[in-house]
Amino acid sequence: MADVKDKLLAVAYRVLESEGPAALTTRRVCEEAGVTMPTLYHHFGSRDGLVAAVHAVALEKFMAKKRALTPTDDPVADLRMGCEHVLEFVQAHPSVTAALMARGIEQPSIFEPSYALMRHRLERCARAGALRVPIERAAEHVWAVVQGLALSIVASPSGAPPSRATSAGALDAVFQAIADQL
């Protein structure tokens, strides 16, 4: 049974990643997974249940990469690396990111694990004496800049994501504002 559920999730994730949220239909997922509609509904209850499960898979893929970063002796560099990993994920998975951002507007709590990890890294910076501002303000700044860059990658009015130099410049600016480099 779990194999069928995993197969449905894998197909749904692939469709979402390659073609975007509009292509993620129950009919499409069932056809590609080789199962009937009642089988999908048995595992997920509804299309919304399938979509929520796919979003959970996407968030776990994203968080696994962020959690895998090994802390160094430089907490500011570690925080920056975490931000860069976010932007790399967004660049590599724009359709998935757009879907997650849309869901996050409706249900902001889906971003709590990511925010908590960022905050933990900021706390390390504070313990090392590397923050110029209170942790809460630093968290607001970093979150806003990284989310803004992510949005500009997936939904740029020009049709092109910001250049690496633009992204690096935005991160440089926020880090200058919040941190004393060690």
C-alpha atoms as a PDB file:
ATOM      1  CA  MET A   1       0.000   0.000   0.000  1.00  0.00           C
ATOM      2  CA  ALA A   2       2.761   2.433   0.939  1.00  0.00           C
ATOM      3  CA  ASP A   3       4.430   1.736  -2.396  1.00  0.00           C
ATOM      4  CA  VAL A   4       1.318   2.951  -4.248  1.00  0.00           C
ATOM      5  CA  LYS A   5       1.132   6.086  -2.122  1.00  0.00           C
ATOM      6  CA  ASP A   6       4.846   6.756  -2.676  1.00  0.00           C
ATOM      7  CA  LYS A   7       4.417   6.233  -6.408  1.00  0.00           C
ATOM      8  CA  LEU A   8       1.505   8.690  -6.508  1.00  0.00           C
ATOM      9  CA  LEU A   9       3.564  11.260  -4.607  1.00  0.00           C
ATOM     10  CA  ALA A  10       6.570  10.770  -6.883  1.00  0.00           C
ATOM     11  CA  VAL A  11       4.449  11.225 -10.000  1.00  0.00           C
ATOM     12  CA  ALA A  12       2.698  14.263  -8.542  1.00  0.00           C
ATOM     13  CA  TYR A  13       6.002  15.854  -7.516  1.00  0.00           C
ATOM     14  CA  ARG A  14       7.482  15.262 -10.973  1.00  0.00           C
ATOM     15  CA  VAL A  15       4.445  16.827 -12.663  1.00  0.00           C
ATOM     16  CA  LEU A  16       4.549  19.808 -10.312  1.00  0.00           C
ATOM     17  CA  GLU A  17       8.268  20.306 -10.826  1.00  0.00           C
ATOM     18  CA  SER A  18       8.305  19.910 -14.582  1.00  0.00           C
ATOM     19  CA  GLU A  19       5.005  21.536 -15.577  1.00  0.00           C
ATOM     20  CA  GLY A  20       3.772  23.558 -12.628  1.00  0.00           C
ATOM     21  CA  PRO A  21       0.688  23.516 -10.417  1.00  0.00           C
ATOM     22  CA  ALA A  22      -1.855  23.777 -13.252  1.00  0.00           C
ATOM     23  CA  ALA A  23      -0.715  20.423 -14.644  1.00  0.00           C
ATOM     24  CA  LEU A  24      -1.118  18.692 -11.279  1.00  0.00           C
ATOM     25  CA  THR A  25      -4.495  17.057 -11.747  1.00  0.00           C
ATOM     26  CA  THR A  26      -5.767  13.874 -10.149  1.00  0.00           C
ATOM     27  CA  ARG A  27      -6.548  12.412 -13.567  1.00  0.00           C
ATOM     28  CA  ARG A  28      -3.000  13.073 -14.777  1.00  0.00           C
ATOM     29  CA  VAL A  29      -1.405  11.619 -11.659  1.00  0.00           C
ATOM     30  CA  CYS A  30      -3.612   8.511 -11.783  1.00  0.00           C
ATOM     31  CA  GLU A  31      -2.876   7.916 -15.475  1.00  0.00           C
ATOM     32  CA  GLU A  32       0.876   8.264 -15.036  1.00  0.00           C
ATOM     33  CA  ALA A  33       0.931   6.183 -11.859  1.00  0.00           C
ATOM     34  CA  GLY A  34      -1.242   3.505 -13.428  1.00  0.00           C
ATOM     35  CA  VAL A  35      -3.912   3.584 -10.715  1.00  0.00           C
ATOM     36  CA  THR A  36      -7.587   4.389 -10.548  1.00  0.00           C
ATOM     37  CA  MET A  37      -9.107   7.534  -9.094  1.00  0.00           C
ATOM     38  CA  PRO A  38     -10.517   5.654  -6.061  1.00  0.00           C
ATOM     39  CA  THR A  39      -6.976   4.518  -5.231  1.00  0.00           C
ATOM     40  CA  LEU A  40      -5.745   8.120  -5.179  1.00  0.00           C
ATOM     41  CA  TYR A  41      -8.715   9.201  -3.064  1.00  0.00           C
ATOM     42  CA  HIS A  42      -8.118   6.288  -0.712  1.00  0.00           C
ATOM     43  CA  HIS A  43      -4.606   7.570   0.010  1.00  0.00           C
ATOM     44  CA  PHE A  44      -5.187  11.332  -0.055  1.00  0.00           C
ATOM     45  CA  GLY A  45      -8.916  11.903   0.354  1.00  0.00           C
ATOM     46  CA  SER A  46      -9.077  14.621  -2.293  1.00  0.00           C
ATOM     47  CA  ARG A  47      -7.026  16.630  -4.760  1.00  0.00           C
ATOM     48  CA  ASP A  48      -6.290  19.068  -1.938  1.00  0.00           C
ATOM     49  CA  GLY A  49      -4.975  16.184   0.152  1.00  0.00           C
ATOM     50  CA  LEU A  50      -2.682  15.129  -2.701  1.00  0.00           C
ATOM     51  CA  VAL A  51      -1.466  18.692  -3.221  1.00  0.00           C
ATOM     52  CA  ALA A  52      -0.808  19.143   0.511  1.00  0.00           C
ATOM     53  CA  ALA A  53       1.163  15.881   0.559  1.00  0.00           C
ATOM     54  CA  VAL A  54       3.205  16.934  -2.487  1.00  0.00           C
ATOM     55  CA  HIS A  55       3.940  20.274  -0.848  1.00  0.00           C
ATOM     56  CA  ALA A  56       5.072  18.419   2.283  1.00  0.00           C
ATOM     57  CA  VAL A  57       7.427  16.315   0.137  1.00  0.00           C
ATOM     58  CA  ALA A  58       8.790  19.458  -1.514  1.00  0.00           C
ATOM     59  CA  LEU A  59       9.338  21.169   1.820  1.00  0.00           C
ATOM     60  CA  GLU A  60      11.101  18.111   3.188  1.00  0.00           C
ATOM     61  CA  LYS A  61      13.443  18.002   0.153  1.00  0.00           C
ATOM     62  CA  PHE A  62      14.172  21.676   0.696  1.00  0.00           C
ATOM     63  CA  MET A  63      14.704  21.338   4.453  1.00  0.00           C
ATOM     64  CA  ALA A  64      16.854  18.215   4.119  1.00  0.00           C
ATOM     65  CA  LYS A  65      19.379  20.183   2.093  1.00  0.00           C
ATOM     66  CA  LYS A  66      19.347  23.065   4.574  1.00  0.00           C
ATOM     67  CA  ARG A  67      19.711  20.736   7.557  1.00  0.00           C
ATOM     68  CA  ALA A  68      22.601  18.929   5.877  1.00  0.00           C
ATOM     69  CA  LEU A  69      24.813  22.015   6.071  1.00  0.00           C
ATOM     70  CA  THR A  70      27.536  21.240   8.568  1.00  0.00           C
ATOM     71  CA  PRO A  71      28.125  24.117  10.974  1.00  0.00           C
ATOM     72  CA  THR A  72      31.554  25.700  10.846  1.00  0.00           C
ATOM     73  CA  ASP A  73      33.357  27.991  13.279  1.00  0.00           C
ATOM     74  CA  ASP A  74      31.894  30.975  11.388  1.00  0.00           C
ATOM     75  CA  PRO A  75      28.166  31.326  12.207  1.00  0.00           C
ATOM     76  CA  VAL A  76      27.763  34.318   9.863  1.00  0.00           C
ATOM     77  CA  ALA A  77      29.169  32.306   6.954  1.00  0.00           C
ATOM     78  CA  ASP A  78      26.864  29.426   7.915  1.00  0.00           C
ATOM     79  CA  LEU A  79      23.849  31.752   7.908  1.00  0.00           C
ATOM     80  CA  ARG A  80      24.858  33.127   4.513  1.00  0.00           C
ATOM     81  CA  MET A  81      25.340  29.614   3.150  1.00  0.00           C
ATOM     82  CA  GLY A  82      21.828  28.730   4.324  1.00  0.00           C
ATOM     83  CA  CYS A  83      20.452  31.753   2.451  1.00  0.00           C
ATOM     84  CA  GLU A  84      22.372  30.799  -0.671  1.00  0.00           C
ATOM     85  CA  HIS A  85      21.006  27.247  -0.445  1.00  0.00           C
ATOM     86  CA  VAL A  86      17.479  28.655  -0.419  1.00  0.00           C
ATOM     87  CA  LEU A  87      18.173  30.610  -3.593  1.00  0.00           C
ATOM     88  CA  GLU A  88      19.829  27.617  -5.260  1.00  0.00           C
ATOM     89  CA  PHE A  89      16.767  25.490  -4.494  1.00  0.00           C
ATOM     90  CA  VAL A  90      14.462  28.187  -5.875  1.00  0.00           C
ATOM     91  CA  GLN A  91      16.567  28.491  -9.039  1.00  0.00           C
ATOM     92  CA  ALA A  92      16.574  24.707  -9.541  1.00  0.00           C
ATOM     93  CA  HIS A  93      12.873  24.225  -8.680  1.00  0.00           C
ATOM     94  CA  PRO A  94      10.942  27.357  -9.699  1.00  0.00           C
ATOM     95  CA  SER A  95       7.565  25.658 -10.216  1.00  0.00           C
ATOM     96  CA  VAL A  96       7.769  23.865  -6.894  1.00  0.00           C
ATOM     97  CA  THR A  97       8.805  27.092  -5.181  1.00  0.00           C
ATOM     98  CA  ALA A  98       5.951  29.056  -6.750  1.00  0.00           C
ATOM     99  CA  ALA A  99       3.477  26.435  -5.538  1.00  0.00           C
ATOM    100  CA  LEU A 100       4.960  26.484  -2.040  1.00  0.00           C
ATOM    101  CA  MET A 101       4.908  30.266  -1.904  1.00  0.00           C
ATOM    102  CA  ALA A 102       1.255  30.299  -2.947  1.00  0.00           C
ATOM    103  CA  ARG A 103       0.421  27.739  -0.271  1.00  0.00           C
ATOM    104  CA  GLY A 104       2.457  29.715   2.253  1.00  0.00           C
ATOM    105  CA  ILE A 105       0.290  32.771   1.626  1.00  0.00           C
ATOM    106  CA  GLU A 106      -2.750  30.717   2.602  1.00  0.00           C
ATOM    107  CA  GLN A 107      -0.983  28.744   5.335  1.00  0.00           C
ATOM    108  CA  PRO A 108       2.131  30.592   6.591  1.00  0.00           C
ATOM    109  CA  SER A 109       2.816  27.891   9.173  1.00  0.00           C
ATOM    110  CA  ILE A 110       4.324  25.681   6.457  1.00  0.00           C
ATOM    111  CA  PHE A 111       7.390  27.909   6.617  1.00  0.00           C
ATOM    112  CA  GLU A 112       7.860  27.567  10.379  1.00  0.00           C
ATOM    113  CA  PRO A 113      10.611  24.897  10.133  1.00  0.00           C
ATOM    114  CA  SER A 114      12.600  27.016   7.696  1.00  0.00           C
ATOM    115  CA  TYR A 115      12.153  30.133   9.798  1.00  0.00           C
ATOM    116  CA  ALA A 116      13.158  28.248  12.956  1.00  0.00           C
ATOM    117  CA  LEU A 117      16.344  26.983  11.305  1.00  0.00           C
ATOM    118  CA  MET A 118      17.219  30.491  10.110  1.00  0.00           C
ATOM    119  CA  ARG A 119      16.547  31.847  13.598  1.00  0.00           C
ATOM    120  CA  HIS A 120      18.734  29.135  15.136  1.00  0.00           C
ATOM    121  CA  ARG A 121      21.568  30.233  12.862  1.00  0.00           C
ATOM    122  CA  LEU A 122      20.987  33.851  13.873  1.00  0.00           C
ATOM    123  CA  GLU A 123      21.135  32.832  17.529  1.00  0.00           C
ATOM    124  CA  ARG A 124      24.544  31.268  16.855  1.00  0.00           C
ATOM    125  CA  CYS A 125      25.624  34.588  15.339  1.00  0.00           C
ATOM    126  CA  ALA A 126      24.364  36.452  18.407  1.00  0.00           C
ATOM    127  CA  ARG A 127      26.173  34.089  20.812  1.00  0.00           C
ATOM    128  CA  ALA A 128      29.365  34.744  18.840  1.00  0.00           C
ATOM    129  CA  GLY A 129      28.837  38.497  19.204  1.00  0.00           C
ATOM    130  CA  ALA A 130      28.408  38.914  15.453  1.00  0.00           C
ATOM    131  CA  LEU A 131      24.979  40.605  15.297  1.00  0.00           C
ATOM    132  CA  ARG A 132      24.571  44.386  15.239  1.00  0.00           C
ATOM    133  CA  VAL A 133      20.818  44.220  15.759  1.00  0.00           C
ATOM    134  CA  PRO A 134      18.474  42.166  17.944  1.00  0.00           C
ATOM    135  CA  ILE A 135      17.766  38.653  16.691  1.00  0.00           C
ATOM    136  CA  GLU A 136      14.127  39.470  15.883  1.00  0.00           C
ATOM    137  CA  ARG A 137      15.102  42.388  13.645  1.00  0.00           C
ATOM    138  CA  ALA A 138      17.842  40.346  11.983  1.00  0.00           C
ATOM    139  CA  ALA A 139      15.333  37.550  11.338  1.00  0.00           C
ATOM    140  CA  GLU A 140      12.880  40.006   9.757  1.00  0.00           C
ATOM    141  CA  HIS A 141      15.588  41.441   7.501  1.00  0.00           C
ATOM    142  CA  VAL A 142      17.019  38.119   6.371  1.00  0.00           C
ATOM    143  CA  TRP A 143      13.599  36.539   5.821  1.00  0.00           C
ATOM    144  CA  ALA A 144      12.330  39.530   3.822  1.00  0.00           C
ATOM    145  CA  VAL A 145      15.392  39.736   1.585  1.00  0.00           C
ATOM    146  CA  VAL A 146      15.579  36.003   0.870  1.00  0.00           C
ATOM    147  CA  GLN A 147      11.818  35.748   0.239  1.00  0.00           C
ATOM    148  CA  GLY A 148      12.000  38.795  -2.036  1.00  0.00           C
ATOM    149  CA  LEU A 149      14.844  37.250  -4.002  1.00  0.00           C
ATOM    150  CA  ALA A 150      12.954  33.950  -4.213  1.00  0.00           C
ATOM    151  CA  LEU A 151       9.883  35.721  -5.539  1.00  0.00           C
ATOM    152  CA  SER A 152      11.962  37.613  -8.081  1.00  0.00           C
ATOM    153  CA  ILE A 153      13.413  34.307  -9.303  1.00  0.00           C
ATOM    154  CA  VAL A 154      10.015  32.653  -9.849  1.00  0.00           C
ATOM    155  CA  ALA A 155       7.975  35.689 -10.913  1.00  0.00           C
ATOM    156  CA  SER A 156      10.184  38.369 -12.422  1.00  0.00           C
ATOM    157  CA  PRO A 157       8.251  40.909 -14.497  1.00  0.00           C
ATOM    158  CA  SER A 158      11.131  40.897 -16.986  1.00  0.00           C
ATOM    159  CA  GLY A 159      10.867  37.124 -17.364  1.00  0.00           C
ATOM    160  CA  ALA A 160      14.459  36.697 -16.233  1.00  0.00           C
ATOM    161  CA  PRO A 161      15.537  35.943 -12.693  1.00  0.00           C
ATOM    162  CA  PRO A 162      17.908  38.361 -10.989  1.00  0.00           C
ATOM    163  CA  SER A 163      21.554  37.904 -11.833  1.00  0.00           C
ATOM    164  CA  ARG A 164      23.863  36.184  -9.383  1.00  0.00           C
ATOM    165  CA  ALA A 165      25.468  39.582  -8.814  1.00  0.00           C
ATOM    166  CA  THR A 166      22.107  41.095  -7.880  1.00  0.00           C
ATOM    167  CA  SER A 167      21.332  38.257  -5.469  1.00  0.00           C
ATOM    168  CA  ALA A 168      24.816  38.446  -3.962  1.00  0.00           C
ATOM    169  CA  GLY A 169      24.505  42.231  -3.630  1.00  0.00           C
ATOM    170  CA  ALA A 170      21.167  41.931  -1.829  1.00  0.00           C
ATOM    171  CA  LEU A 171      22.632  39.364   0.577  1.00  0.00           C
ATOM    172  CA  ASP A 172      25.727  41.546   1.065  1.00  0.00           C
ATOM    173  CA  ALA A 173      23.496  44.485   1.967  1.00  0.00           C
ATOM    174  CA  VAL A 174      21.414  42.575   4.500  1.00  0.00           C
ATOM    175  CA  PHE A 175      24.498  41.032   6.073  1.00  0.00           C
ATOM    176  CA  GLN A 176      26.173  44.443   6.331  1.00  0.00           C
ATOM    177  CA  ALA A 177      23.057  45.730   8.065  1.00  0.00           C
ATOM    178  CA  ILE A 178      22.784  42.932  10.615  1.00  0.00           C
ATOM    179  CA  ALA A 179      26.185  41.358  11.187  1.00  0.00           C
ATOM    180  CA  ASP A 180      29.701  42.194  12.170  1.00  0.00           C
ATOM    181  CA  GLN A 181      31.799  39.871  10.092  1.00  0.00           C
ATOM    182  CA  LEU A 182      33.965  37.673  12.306  1.00  0.00           C
END
